[in-house]
Protein backbone atom coordinates (compact mmCIF):
# COMPACT_ATOMS: atom_id res chain seq x y z
CA MET A 1 -100.21 -13.72 -42.74
CA HIS A 2 -102.50 -13.21 -39.91
CA ALA A 3 -102.42 -10.59 -37.51
CA LYS A 4 -100.83 -11.12 -34.26
CA SER A 5 -102.64 -10.94 -31.14
CA ASP A 6 -101.71 -8.73 -28.12
CA SER A 7 -100.60 -11.94 -26.15
CA GLU A 8 -98.24 -13.06 -28.87
CA VAL A 9 -96.59 -9.69 -29.05
CA THR A 10 -96.22 -9.29 -25.29
CA SER A 11 -94.64 -12.81 -25.24
CA LEU A 12 -92.30 -12.11 -28.23
CA ALA A 13 -91.05 -8.81 -26.37
CA ALA A 14 -90.34 -10.76 -23.30
CA SER A 15 -88.51 -13.71 -24.92
CA SER A 16 -86.24 -11.42 -27.29
CA PRO A 17 -83.10 -10.17 -25.68
CA THR A 18 -82.58 -6.47 -25.06
CA ARG A 19 -79.95 -5.16 -27.10
CA SER A 20 -77.52 -3.28 -24.82
CA PRO A 21 -75.25 -0.39 -25.89
CA PRO A 22 -71.91 -1.35 -27.25
CA ARG A 23 -69.42 -1.50 -24.37
CA ARG A 24 -65.64 -0.78 -24.46
CA LEU A 25 -63.39 -3.49 -25.43
CA LEU A 26 -61.39 -5.33 -22.88
CA TYR A 27 -57.67 -5.90 -22.49
CA TYR A 28 -56.25 -9.03 -20.92
CA VAL A 29 -52.91 -8.29 -19.17
CA GLN A 30 -50.63 -11.13 -19.13
CA SER A 31 -47.31 -11.04 -17.31
CA PRO A 32 -44.27 -12.16 -19.45
CA SER A 33 -43.05 -15.69 -19.05
CA GLN A 34 -40.06 -17.45 -20.48
CA HIS A 35 -41.81 -18.51 -23.78
CA ASP A 36 -43.99 -15.27 -24.53
CA GLY A 37 -42.15 -12.59 -22.89
CA GLU A 38 -42.68 -10.21 -25.58
CA LYS A 39 -46.47 -10.54 -25.39
CA MET A 40 -47.83 -7.79 -22.95
CA SER A 41 -51.24 -7.42 -24.12
CA PHE A 42 -53.51 -8.36 -26.87
CA GLN A 43 -56.73 -6.81 -28.39
CA SER A 44 -59.89 -8.74 -29.28
CA SER A 45 -60.44 -8.97 -33.06
CA PRO A 46 -62.63 -10.96 -35.34
CA ALA A 47 -59.54 -12.64 -36.89
CA GLY A 48 -56.92 -13.33 -34.07
CA SER A 49 -59.11 -13.69 -31.02
CA PRO A 50 -62.49 -15.11 -30.08
CA PRO A 51 -65.29 -12.76 -30.67
CA HIS A 52 -66.59 -10.53 -27.81
CA PRO A 53 -69.38 -12.06 -25.76
CA HIS A 54 -71.75 -9.07 -26.81
CA TYR A 55 -71.17 -9.84 -30.45
CA TYR A 56 -73.54 -12.71 -30.19
CA GLY A 57 -75.70 -10.83 -27.61
CA VAL A 58 -74.65 -12.86 -24.53
CA PRO A 59 -74.18 -10.94 -21.47
CA SER A 60 -70.34 -10.80 -20.50
CA PRO A 61 -69.70 -12.68 -17.08
CA VAL A 62 -66.72 -10.25 -16.11
CA HIS A 63 -67.76 -8.16 -13.30
CA HIS A 64 -67.82 -4.36 -13.66
CA SER A 65 -65.22 -3.82 -10.99
CA ARG A 66 -62.91 -6.39 -12.53
CA GLU A 67 -63.31 -4.69 -15.72
CA SER A 68 -62.53 -1.16 -14.43
CA SER A 69 -59.35 -2.46 -12.61
CA THR A 70 -58.23 -4.28 -15.67
CA THR A 71 -58.59 -1.23 -18.17
CA ARG A 72 -56.58 1.04 -15.60
CA PHE A 73 -53.31 -0.50 -17.33
CA SER A 74 -54.61 -0.88 -20.80
CA GLY A 75 -54.19 2.71 -21.71
CA SER A 76 -50.41 2.74 -20.93
CA LEU A 77 -49.77 -0.79 -22.23
CA LYS A 78 -51.41 -0.44 -25.48
CA LYS A 79 -49.15 2.23 -26.63
CA ASP A 80 -46.07 0.30 -25.66
CA ALA A 81 -47.20 -2.88 -27.22
CA SER A 82 -48.29 -1.44 -30.36
CA SER A 83 -44.86 0.43 -30.74
CA HIS A 84 -43.12 -2.91 -30.07
CA HIS A 85 -44.77 -4.78 -32.64
CA HIS A 86 -45.07 -2.39 -35.27
CA HIS A 87 -41.53 -0.83 -35.41
CA PRO A 88 -40.63 0.33 -38.85
CA HIS A 89 -37.12 -1.58 -38.89
CA GLY A 90 -38.11 -4.81 -37.12
CA ARG A 91 -35.96 -3.85 -33.96
CA ARG A 92 -37.25 -4.80 -30.62
CA GLN A 93 -37.76 -2.15 -28.20
CA PRO A 94 -36.81 -2.67 -24.46
CA TRP A 95 -39.12 -3.46 -21.99
CA PRO A 96 -40.67 -0.47 -20.10
CA GLN A 97 -39.81 -0.51 -16.44
CA TYR A 98 -42.83 -0.70 -14.02
CA ALA A 99 -42.90 -0.75 -10.25
CA HIS A 100 -43.49 -4.20 -8.74
CA VAL A 101 -46.92 -4.51 -7.10
CA ASP A 102 -46.90 -7.19 -4.29
CA GLU A 103 -49.93 -8.94 -2.94
CA HIS A 104 -50.44 -6.24 -0.44
CA GLY A 105 -50.74 -3.49 -2.89
CA GLU A 106 -47.31 -1.86 -1.94
CA GLU A 107 -44.95 -0.81 -4.63
CA GLU A 108 -41.48 -1.91 -4.44
CA GLU A 109 -39.05 0.38 -6.17
CA GLY A 110 -35.33 -0.17 -7.12
CA GLU A 111 -34.28 3.18 -6.09
CA ASP A 112 -34.03 5.02 -2.83
CA GLY A 113 -37.02 7.15 -1.59
CA ASP A 114 -35.37 10.50 -2.84
CA GLY A 115 -35.09 9.04 -6.56
CA ARG A 116 -31.44 8.45 -6.57
CA GLU A 117 -30.03 5.05 -7.41
CA SER A 118 -28.59 3.11 -4.46
CA GLY A 119 -24.92 2.50 -4.56
CA ILE A 120 -21.49 3.33 -2.74
CA PRO A 121 -20.51 6.94 -2.45
CA ALA A 122 -17.56 8.12 -4.26
CA ARG A 123 -15.57 9.16 -1.04
CA CYS A 124 -15.85 5.41 -0.05
CA TYR A 125 -13.95 4.49 -3.22
CA PHE A 126 -11.51 7.13 -2.41
CA LEU A 127 -10.81 6.02 1.17
CA LEU A 128 -10.52 2.50 -0.25
CA PHE A 129 -7.92 3.66 -2.73
CA VAL A 130 -5.99 5.44 -0.09
CA VAL A 131 -6.04 2.37 2.47
CA CYS A 132 -4.91 -0.02 -0.17
CA PHE A 133 -2.05 2.29 -1.43
CA LEU A 134 -0.81 2.53 2.18
CA VAL A 135 -1.05 -1.22 2.68
CA LEU A 136 0.87 -1.89 -0.53
CA PHE A 137 3.32 0.85 0.11
CA THR A 138 4.19 -0.46 3.69
CA PHE A 139 4.39 -4.10 2.28
CA PHE A 140 6.88 -3.00 -0.43
CA SER A 141 8.96 -0.94 2.13
CA LEU A 142 9.13 -3.90 4.47
CA ILE A 143 10.44 -6.05 1.54
CA LEU A 144 13.18 -3.55 0.77
CA TRP A 145 14.02 -2.98 4.37
CA GLY A 146 14.24 -6.64 4.95
CA ALA A 147 16.47 -7.00 1.91
CA SER A 148 18.84 -4.35 2.61
CA ARG A 149 19.78 -5.89 6.13
CA SER A 150 21.48 -8.49 4.41
CA TYR A 151 23.74 -6.00 2.79
CA GLU A 152 26.01 -4.94 5.91
CA PRO A 153 28.92 -2.97 4.73
CA VAL A 154 32.36 -4.28 5.49
CA ILE A 155 35.09 -2.72 7.38
CA ALA A 156 38.59 -3.99 7.79
CA VAL A 157 41.45 -2.36 9.74
CA LYS A 158 44.56 -3.21 7.95
CA SER A 159 47.54 -1.64 9.55
CA MET A 160 48.85 1.12 12.10
CA THR A 161 52.16 2.84 11.58
CA PHE A 162 53.85 4.74 14.51
CA TRP A 163 55.81 7.70 13.34
CA ARG A 164 56.71 9.17 16.68
CA PHE A 165 56.76 8.03 20.16
CA ASN A 166 58.40 10.40 22.56
CA VAL A 167 58.36 10.29 26.44
CA GLN A 168 59.78 13.10 28.53
CA ALA A 169 59.59 14.97 31.73
CA GLY A 170 57.16 17.83 31.99
CA MET A 171 54.27 19.48 34.04
CA ASP A 172 50.44 19.15 33.34
CA ALA A 173 48.19 21.90 33.16
CA SER A 174 47.92 22.26 36.96
CA GLY A 175 51.73 22.32 37.37
CA VAL A 176 52.23 18.77 38.70
CA ALA A 177 55.35 17.27 37.54
CA THR A 178 55.01 14.10 35.50
CA GLN A 179 56.36 12.49 32.28
CA MET A 180 54.70 13.70 28.99
CA LEU A 181 54.07 11.58 25.97
CA THR A 182 53.86 12.78 22.41
CA ILE A 183 52.64 10.19 19.77
CA ASN A 184 51.87 10.35 15.98
CA ALA A 185 50.34 7.31 14.14
CA THR A 186 48.46 6.67 10.91
CA VAL A 187 45.62 4.17 10.78
CA LYS A 188 44.59 2.53 7.37
CA LEU A 189 41.28 0.87 6.91
CA SER A 190 39.05 -0.09 4.23
CA PHE A 191 35.21 0.37 3.65
CA THR A 192 33.33 -1.75 1.22
CA ASN A 193 29.63 -1.38 0.37
CA ARG A 194 28.22 -4.72 -0.88
CA ALA A 195 24.74 -3.37 -1.77
CA THR A 196 23.52 -3.46 -5.23
CA PHE A 197 20.60 -0.90 -5.00
CA PHE A 198 21.77 1.73 -2.54
CA GLY A 199 24.66 3.80 -1.36
CA CYS A 200 25.88 4.36 2.12
CA HIS A 201 26.56 7.44 4.18
CA PHE A 202 29.59 6.72 6.36
CA THR A 203 30.36 8.35 9.67
CA SER A 204 32.66 7.34 12.73
CA SER A 205 33.25 8.06 16.22
CA PRO A 206 36.66 9.33 17.09
CA LEU A 207 39.39 6.78 17.06
CA ARG A 208 40.88 6.46 20.42
CA LEU A 209 44.23 4.75 21.32
CA HIS A 210 44.48 3.61 24.97
CA TYR A 211 47.38 2.29 27.20
CA MET A 212 45.58 0.50 29.92
CA ASP A 213 42.89 3.02 31.02
CA LEU A 214 44.86 5.93 29.98
CA ARG A 215 43.88 7.62 26.45
CA LEU A 216 46.96 8.59 24.56
CA ALA A 217 45.94 9.73 21.40
CA SER A 218 42.69 10.27 19.27
CA GLY A 219 41.82 10.87 15.46
CA ASP A 220 38.63 11.45 13.37
CA ILE A 221 37.27 10.10 9.97
CA GLU A 222 35.69 12.61 7.84
CA GLU A 223 32.10 11.60 6.64
CA PHE A 224 31.64 10.40 3.00
CA TYR A 225 29.24 8.74 0.64
CA GLN A 226 30.01 5.24 -0.73
CA PRO A 227 28.22 4.23 -3.93
CA ARG A 228 26.95 0.84 -4.21
CA LYS A 229 29.28 -2.19 -4.93
CA SER A 230 32.36 -0.09 -4.39
CA THR A 231 35.45 0.03 -2.04
CA ARG A 232 37.28 3.01 -0.35
CA LEU A 233 40.44 2.92 1.27
CA ILE A 234 40.66 5.28 4.51
CA SER A 235 43.78 6.80 5.91
CA THR A 236 43.59 8.86 9.12
CA VAL A 237 45.95 10.39 11.67
CA VAL A 238 45.79 9.48 15.35
CA GLN A 239 47.86 11.60 17.67
CA GLY A 240 48.47 12.87 21.24
CA ILE A 241 50.53 15.89 22.04
CA GLN A 242 52.08 16.40 25.61
CA VAL A 243 49.65 13.74 27.20
CA PRO A 244 50.47 13.37 31.14
CA LEU A 245 51.13 9.82 32.11
CA TYR A 246 51.59 10.19 35.77
CA GLY A 247 52.31 6.94 37.43
CA ALA A 248 51.67 4.99 34.29
CA GLY A 249 54.45 6.14 32.37
CA SER A 250 57.21 4.69 34.66
CA SER A 251 57.89 1.75 32.32
CA LEU A 252 57.69 3.86 28.99
CA SER A 253 61.01 5.47 27.61
CA SER A 254 61.46 7.33 24.36
CA GLU A 255 64.90 5.72 23.73
CA PRO A 256 64.74 1.98 22.95
CA THR A 257 66.96 -0.30 24.50
CA MET A 258 67.46 -4.21 24.18
CA ASP A 259 65.44 -4.67 27.39
CA SER A 260 62.69 -2.34 26.43
CA PRO A 261 59.44 -4.08 26.82
CA SER A 262 56.57 -4.01 24.15
CA VAL A 263 53.67 -1.53 24.90
CA PRO A 264 50.29 -2.93 24.89
CA LEU A 265 47.78 -0.48 23.24
CA THR A 266 44.14 -0.68 22.38
CA LEU A 267 42.50 1.23 19.39
CA THR A 268 38.68 1.58 19.51
CA PHE A 269 36.02 3.26 17.61
CA MET A 270 32.53 2.78 16.29
CA THR A 271 31.31 3.32 12.80
CA ARG A 272 27.77 4.12 11.46
CA SER A 273 26.28 3.62 7.90
CA ARG A 274 23.06 4.87 6.81
CA ALA A 275 21.32 3.68 3.62
CA PHE A 276 18.51 5.67 2.31
CA ILE A 277 16.48 3.21 0.26
CA LEU A 278 13.27 5.13 -0.61
CA GLY A 279 14.66 8.66 0.22
CA LYS A 280 13.89 9.36 3.91
CA LEU A 281 10.98 7.25 4.11
CA VAL A 282 12.69 3.92 4.17
CA LYS A 283 16.22 3.91 5.46
CA THR A 284 18.60 1.37 7.19
CA LYS A 285 21.41 2.08 9.82
CA PHE A 286 24.41 -0.21 10.50
CA TYR A 287 26.41 0.18 13.54
CA ILE A 288 29.82 -1.73 13.96
CA ASP A 289 31.78 -1.54 17.13
CA ILE A 290 35.59 -2.07 16.21
CA LYS A 291 38.40 -3.03 18.84
CA CYS A 292 41.98 -3.79 17.97
CA ALA A 293 44.50 -4.96 20.10
CA MET A 294 48.31 -4.57 19.43
CA GLU A 295 51.80 -4.27 20.95
CA LEU A 296 54.15 -1.51 20.12
CA ASN A 297 57.74 -2.22 20.05
CA GLN A 298 59.82 1.13 20.08
CA LYS A 299 62.38 -0.47 17.81
CA ASN A 300 59.96 -0.86 14.91
CA THR A 301 58.86 2.84 14.87
CA GLY A 302 58.09 3.91 11.40
CA LYS A 303 56.86 0.35 10.28
CA PRO A 304 53.38 -0.56 9.82
CA VAL A 305 51.75 -2.99 12.60
CA ASN A 306 49.69 -5.60 10.71
CA LEU A 307 46.25 -5.62 12.41
CA LYS A 308 44.80 -8.24 10.23
CA GLY A 309 43.05 -10.73 12.65
CA ALA A 310 43.76 -8.47 15.67
CA CYS A 311 40.45 -6.75 15.54
CA SER A 312 36.94 -7.72 16.57
CA TYR A 313 33.88 -6.29 14.74
CA THR A 314 30.39 -6.30 16.61
């Protein structure tokens, strides 16, 4: 071996690459895709990845700024990736949630600015429940009310019996001399509730018996409750005591004769039936105006006068 000259030593020193100090390993972050969604990052190793450029002494082409920006996420992702691949039981861990970074560098979060998750407040659900309940209740009530209108009660006036018909001279309350009438009669009628799901409260206006435009007698029907699908027979008294007739009583007499004409009379009253379907919230009312025309023959006193077909119901 011969000694190297100074020129050879200088050329060898210039041609041999300068060994740089070992640099930190790089991590390459890859966003998950459809096929390899579980691979968040990988670490360079002699067995599973290509050797680091500095392993062969070749300078790295990656710029220093890119290296620093890439390694900012390596510390946090390394721990998650290692725990995901080396779980003792082989179960996969859920993906960690990270804020999305758009191309302008702004983070988009799935929560509100104050950290609470976005959603509908509880009071909105309560108001929605109240509104739905009221709508359904109103709809159901209208159905019941409409169905109840077809179950109007049936009232039929059957007969009227005159027990007393007496005309005599007298004076009214002011002392005017005129004929006075005393009459007593009984009216029989029936009330039928045809409804299948509600009962009826029955009331009536006073029964009035008229001769022309002059009221001769009156009577009342007591209020009662009629259950569903049932019928009640009603008997009420109509009477008038010492009713002044004035000029209208010239053709009336208390003693019947062969030539005694029949006395035209009119019986009028109005009934009201109330049905409470859902308490007092849903109720139905039925009004029936009844008018019966008849003729009284004084020779038939004490006998019932048939009123079937002689009454109008409106």
